Protein backbone atom coordinates (compact mmCIF):
# COMPACT_ATOMS: atom_id res chain seq x y z
CA UNK A 1 69.71 92.86 75.63
CA UNK A 2 68.07 91.16 78.14
CA UNK A 3 68.92 92.59 81.90
CA UNK A 4 69.18 89.97 84.78
CA UNK A 5 66.76 91.43 87.18
CA UNK A 6 69.10 92.14 90.63
CA UNK A 7 68.90 93.11 94.41
CA UNK A 8 71.62 95.48 95.86
CA UNK A 9 75.20 96.32 95.78
CA UNK A 10 78.03 98.73 94.18
CA UNK A 11 81.99 98.40 94.68
CA UNK A 12 84.80 95.05 96.15
CA UNK A 13 87.43 96.47 97.96
CA UNK A 14 89.65 94.41 96.89
CA UNK A 15 92.41 96.37 94.36
CA UNK A 16 91.75 99.30 96.30
CA UNK A 17 91.93 98.13 99.84
CA UNK A 18 95.06 98.31 102.59
CA UNK A 19 96.36 94.84 103.31
CA UNK A 20 95.08 92.90 106.02
CA UNK A 21 97.29 92.78 109.72
CA UNK A 22 96.69 89.16 110.16
CA UNK A 23 95.04 86.02 109.03
CA UNK A 24 91.94 86.16 109.84
CA UNK A 25 92.01 82.43 110.44
CA UNK A 26 94.47 78.99 111.41
CA UNK A 27 93.27 78.59 107.60
CA UNK A 28 94.01 81.33 105.96
CA UNK A 29 97.50 80.68 107.68
CA UNK A 30 98.33 77.65 105.70
CA UNK A 31 96.31 79.02 102.38
CA UNK A 32 98.06 77.96 98.58
CA UNK A 33 96.00 81.04 97.27
CA UNK A 34 95.83 84.93 97.62
CA UNK A 35 93.81 86.18 100.48
CA UNK A 36 91.81 89.54 100.61
CA UNK A 37 93.36 92.63 101.42
CA UNK A 38 91.76 93.49 103.94
CA UNK A 39 91.09 90.36 106.45
CA UNK A 40 93.15 88.33 104.93
CA UNK A 41 90.27 85.33 103.72
CA UNK A 42 91.87 82.83 101.69
CA UNK A 43 90.48 83.56 98.74
CA UNK A 44 90.24 79.45 97.62
CA UNK A 45 88.36 77.62 100.97
CA UNK A 46 86.12 75.95 99.38
CA UNK A 47 83.56 76.73 101.91
CA UNK A 48 82.84 80.30 99.44
CA UNK A 49 83.68 78.38 96.29
CA UNK A 50 82.53 75.03 96.64
CA UNK A 51 80.29 74.12 92.92
CA UNK A 52 77.69 71.24 94.23
CA UNK A 53 73.56 71.76 93.31
CA UNK A 54 74.52 75.57 93.84
CA UNK A 55 76.11 75.22 89.86
CA UNK A 56 72.18 75.01 88.85
CA UNK A 57 71.49 78.63 89.66
CA UNK A 58 74.53 80.39 87.94
CA UNK A 59 73.49 82.36 85.38
CA UNK A 60 75.28 80.77 82.74
CA UNK A 61 78.08 77.18 82.92
CA UNK A 62 80.95 79.69 82.44
CA UNK A 63 80.35 80.91 85.52
CA UNK A 64 81.91 79.81 88.75
CA UNK A 65 81.80 81.63 92.12
CA UNK A 66 83.99 83.73 93.73
CA UNK A 67 84.66 84.86 96.86
CA UNK A 68 83.76 89.31 97.90
CA UNK A 69 84.63 91.11 100.67
CA UNK A 70 83.04 94.66 100.90
CA UNK A 71 83.97 97.04 104.07
CA UNK A 72 81.38 97.58 106.34
CA UNK A 73 82.60 99.98 109.45
CA UNK A 74 86.34 100.91 108.97
CA UNK A 75 86.53 97.10 111.14
CA UNK A 76 84.74 94.84 110.17
CA UNK A 77 83.94 93.72 107.02
CA UNK A 78 81.51 90.86 104.94
CA UNK A 79 82.43 87.68 103.19
CA UNK A 80 80.44 86.05 100.58
CA UNK A 81 80.63 84.63 97.42
CA UNK A 82 78.84 85.59 93.88
CA UNK A 83 78.84 85.02 90.18
CA UNK A 84 82.15 85.58 88.04
CA UNK A 85 80.83 85.30 84.24
CA UNK A 86 83.86 87.55 82.96
CA UNK A 87 84.91 83.87 80.31
CA UNK A 88 80.89 84.15 79.07
CA UNK A 89 81.69 87.22 77.71
CA UNK A 90 77.95 88.13 77.95
CA UNK A 91 77.00 92.41 78.62
CA UNK A 92 74.96 92.56 81.59
CA UNK A 93 76.71 90.02 83.72
CA UNK A 94 79.00 91.81 85.21
CA UNK A 95 78.00 92.76 88.96
CA UNK A 96 79.88 94.87 91.79
CA UNK A 97 79.11 95.30 95.66
CA UNK A 98 79.13 97.57 98.60
CA UNK A 99 78.29 99.36 101.64
CA UNK A 100 76.41 102.06 100.76
CA UNK A 101 76.20 103.00 104.15
CA UNK A 102 77.04 100.28 107.76
CA UNK A 103 73.35 99.04 107.00
CA UNK A 104 72.75 99.08 103.21
CA UNK A 105 75.10 96.94 101.35
CA UNK A 106 74.28 97.33 97.16
CA UNK A 107 75.14 94.74 94.42
CA UNK A 108 75.53 97.40 90.89
CA UNK A 109 74.89 95.54 87.72
CA UNK A 110 77.13 96.63 84.66
CA UNK A 111 74.83 97.28 81.80
CA UNK A 112 76.75 97.29 77.67
CA UNK A 113 76.33 100.96 76.69
CA UNK A 114 74.87 103.58 76.59
CA UNK A 115 73.10 101.77 78.75
CA UNK A 116 73.41 102.87 82.41
CA UNK A 117 74.20 100.29 85.43
CA UNK A 118 71.58 99.94 87.34
CA UNK A 119 72.19 99.38 91.50
CA UNK A 120 69.84 98.61 94.46
CA UNK A 121 70.29 97.23 98.09
CA UNK A 122 70.19 93.56 98.02
CA UNK A 123 70.45 93.45 102.76
CA UNK A 124 69.73 95.72 104.93
CA UNK A 125 72.95 94.85 107.71
CA UNK A 126 71.24 95.82 111.24
CA UNK A 127 73.09 95.79 114.91
CA UNK A 128 71.74 93.93 117.32
CA UNK A 129 71.16 96.28 120.28
CA UNK A 130 72.84 94.43 124.46
CA UNK A 131 69.55 92.46 125.86
CA UNK A 132 68.32 92.49 122.34
CA UNK A 133 67.39 89.45 119.87
CA UNK A 134 66.50 90.34 115.33
CA UNK A 135 63.37 89.58 116.09
CA UNK A 136 62.96 93.29 118.36
CA UNK A 137 64.73 94.74 115.80
CA UNK A 138 63.02 93.60 113.23
CA UNK A 139 59.42 95.60 115.21
CA UNK A 140 61.36 98.28 115.54
CA UNK A 141 60.90 98.95 111.60
CA UNK A 142 57.36 98.55 111.87
CA UNK A 143 57.88 102.77 111.98
CA UNK A 144 58.19 102.60 108.32
CA UNK A 145 54.62 100.68 107.76
CA UNK A 146 51.15 102.68 108.04
CA UNK A 147 50.52 103.10 111.60
CA UNK A 148 46.74 101.13 111.32
CA UNK A 149 48.57 98.39 110.48
CA UNK A 150 51.68 97.77 113.30
CA UNK A 151 49.63 96.25 115.78
CA UNK A 152 48.37 94.07 113.57
CA UNK A 153 52.04 92.39 112.21
CA UNK A 154 55.01 90.17 114.07
CA UNK A 155 57.45 87.98 113.94
CA UNK A 156 57.61 84.70 112.23
CA UNK A 157 59.43 81.67 111.58
CA UNK A 158 60.06 81.39 108.16
CA UNK A 159 59.50 78.10 105.84
CA UNK A 160 63.40 78.37 105.03
CA UNK A 161 65.07 77.54 108.54
CA UNK A 162 66.90 79.87 110.84
CA UNK A 163 65.22 82.62 109.19
CA UNK A 164 62.21 84.55 109.63
CA UNK A 165 58.92 86.63 108.60
CA UNK A 166 57.99 90.24 109.74
CA UNK A 167 54.47 89.24 108.58
CA UNK A 168 50.60 89.54 109.47
CA UNK A 169 48.64 87.83 112.35
CA UNK A 170 46.52 85.22 110.76
CA UNK A 171 43.80 87.92 110.94
CA UNK A 172 45.27 90.40 109.67
CA UNK A 173 46.28 88.14 106.23
CA UNK A 174 42.74 86.75 106.14
CA UNK A 175 41.90 90.32 105.43
CA UNK A 176 44.27 90.80 103.03
CA UNK A 177 43.40 88.04 100.44
CA UNK A 178 39.33 88.36 101.15
CA UNK A 179 40.27 92.49 100.34
CA UNK A 180 43.40 92.63 98.14
CA UNK A 181 43.74 91.61 94.35
CA UNK A 182 47.50 89.85 93.10
CA UNK A 183 50.45 89.37 95.96
CA UNK A 184 49.65 90.50 99.16
CA UNK A 185 52.28 92.97 100.83
CA UNK A 186 51.92 94.42 104.30
CA UNK A 187 53.68 95.34 107.25
CA UNK A 188 55.87 98.03 106.06
CA UNK A 189 59.19 97.80 103.50
CA UNK A 190 60.59 95.40 106.08
CA UNK A 191 57.71 93.30 106.55
CA UNK A 192 55.83 90.20 104.12
CA UNK A 193 55.06 90.20 100.50
CA UNK A 194 53.93 87.72 98.09
CA UNK A 195 55.81 89.68 94.74
CA UNK A 196 59.83 89.01 95.61
CA UNK A 197 61.62 87.01 97.76
CA UNK A 198 62.77 88.73 101.73
CA UNK A 199 63.36 87.57 104.85
CA UNK A 200 65.25 88.44 108.10
CA UNK A 201 67.82 86.39 109.47
CA UNK A 202 69.52 85.97 113.37
CA UNK A 203 73.52 86.71 112.40
CA UNK A 204 75.09 86.59 115.45
CA UNK A 205 75.60 90.29 116.57
CA UNK A 206 73.16 91.41 112.89
CA UNK A 207 70.26 90.70 112.15
CA UNK A 208 69.92 90.87 108.38
CA UNK A 209 67.31 91.86 106.12
CA UNK A 210 67.10 89.75 102.66
CA UNK A 211 66.05 91.31 99.73
CA UNK A 212 66.34 88.94 96.60
CA UNK A 213 63.52 89.56 94.32
CA UNK A 214 62.01 87.05 92.21
CA UNK A 215 65.10 86.05 90.58
CA UNK A 216 68.38 84.70 90.70
CA UNK A 217 70.23 87.29 92.41
CA UNK A 218 74.55 86.92 91.26
CA UNK A 219 75.12 86.98 94.99
CA UNK A 220 74.61 83.77 97.24
CA UNK A 221 72.54 85.26 100.51
CA UNK A 222 72.84 82.08 102.40
CA UNK A 223 76.41 82.46 103.00
CA UNK A 224 77.51 85.32 104.94
CA UNK A 225 80.40 85.23 106.98
CA UNK A 226 81.52 89.23 109.03
CA UNK A 227 85.29 89.49 110.19
CA UNK A 228 86.31 91.45 112.92
CA UNK A 229 89.63 93.78 113.07
CA UNK A 230 90.63 93.31 117.08
CA UNK A 231 92.68 96.11 118.97
CA UNK A 232 95.63 94.41 118.09
CA UNK A 233 94.64 94.72 114.67
CA UNK A 234 93.88 91.04 114.02
CA UNK A 235 90.94 90.07 112.32
CA UNK A 236 88.01 87.11 113.53
CA UNK A 237 85.11 85.81 112.02
CA UNK A 238 81.81 86.75 114.06
CA UNK A 239 79.91 84.38 115.25
CA UNK A 240 76.86 83.92 112.56
CA UNK A 241 74.18 81.24 112.09
CA UNK A 242 74.48 77.22 112.87
CA UNK A 243 74.88 76.83 109.74
CA UNK A 244 78.01 78.55 108.89
C-alpha cells in the first residue's frame, strides 16, 4: 500500500471542544452552516472551501477541502483547510491535526492496520516578542545550528513572496555547493534545505516555520488564520499576511 508523504499533526478538536461563546466574525453571524465549536467560524466559508486552481493539488478527484480548527492555547485557535478524502474509501488518506504544544503543529496520517499511524510536525508557530520581527525570531533558531556556520547565515526573501528563508550567505552557499554532493542543507533544522519545502512566514504576532516535505501536503499552508479570545470571551481574527 502506498503511503502519502505528510508534514505535522494529531487531533482536530471539533468533536470535544467547548461551544463558542460568540461568533468570531460578522459573517459567522449570518452563516447558514455549522460554526466551529471554539471560535465560532463559519465552516461553510468559501475562503477556506473554494475549489479553484487549488483543486489540482487534491490527492483524488473525490477529495474536497474542509475546515480545520485546532486549539493552540486556551484562548487561541488556528483555522485552516485540509483535504477530506473520506469519499474515496482509500486507506492512508485520513489525517488529523493538533498542537502537541503551543509551538509544534502536527499531522497524523492513519494507515490501515497493522501499520501504525505516522505523525510529524508540519509547522512551528513562535510568538514574536514586542519590538522584534519574524526575522529576529528566525535568527534565534540558529542556536540549534552548527556553531561554525551560525555567523554565515542570514534571513533573505523567499521566491514565494511575503516569506523568507534562514539561509547561508552567498559566499557560504558557494562553498557548500563545491564541497557537498547532493541536496544542500545549512543553518540548522530551521534553515535552508534543498531536500524539502520549508520557509518562514511573518504572520501578524507570529513567526511561522512551515515544513511541507517533498510531496503534496494534506493541508493548505498558505491559508492559516488565527483567532484570539478576549477577556469578555469574544473571539476575533488576529492580524495575518496581507494576502489573507
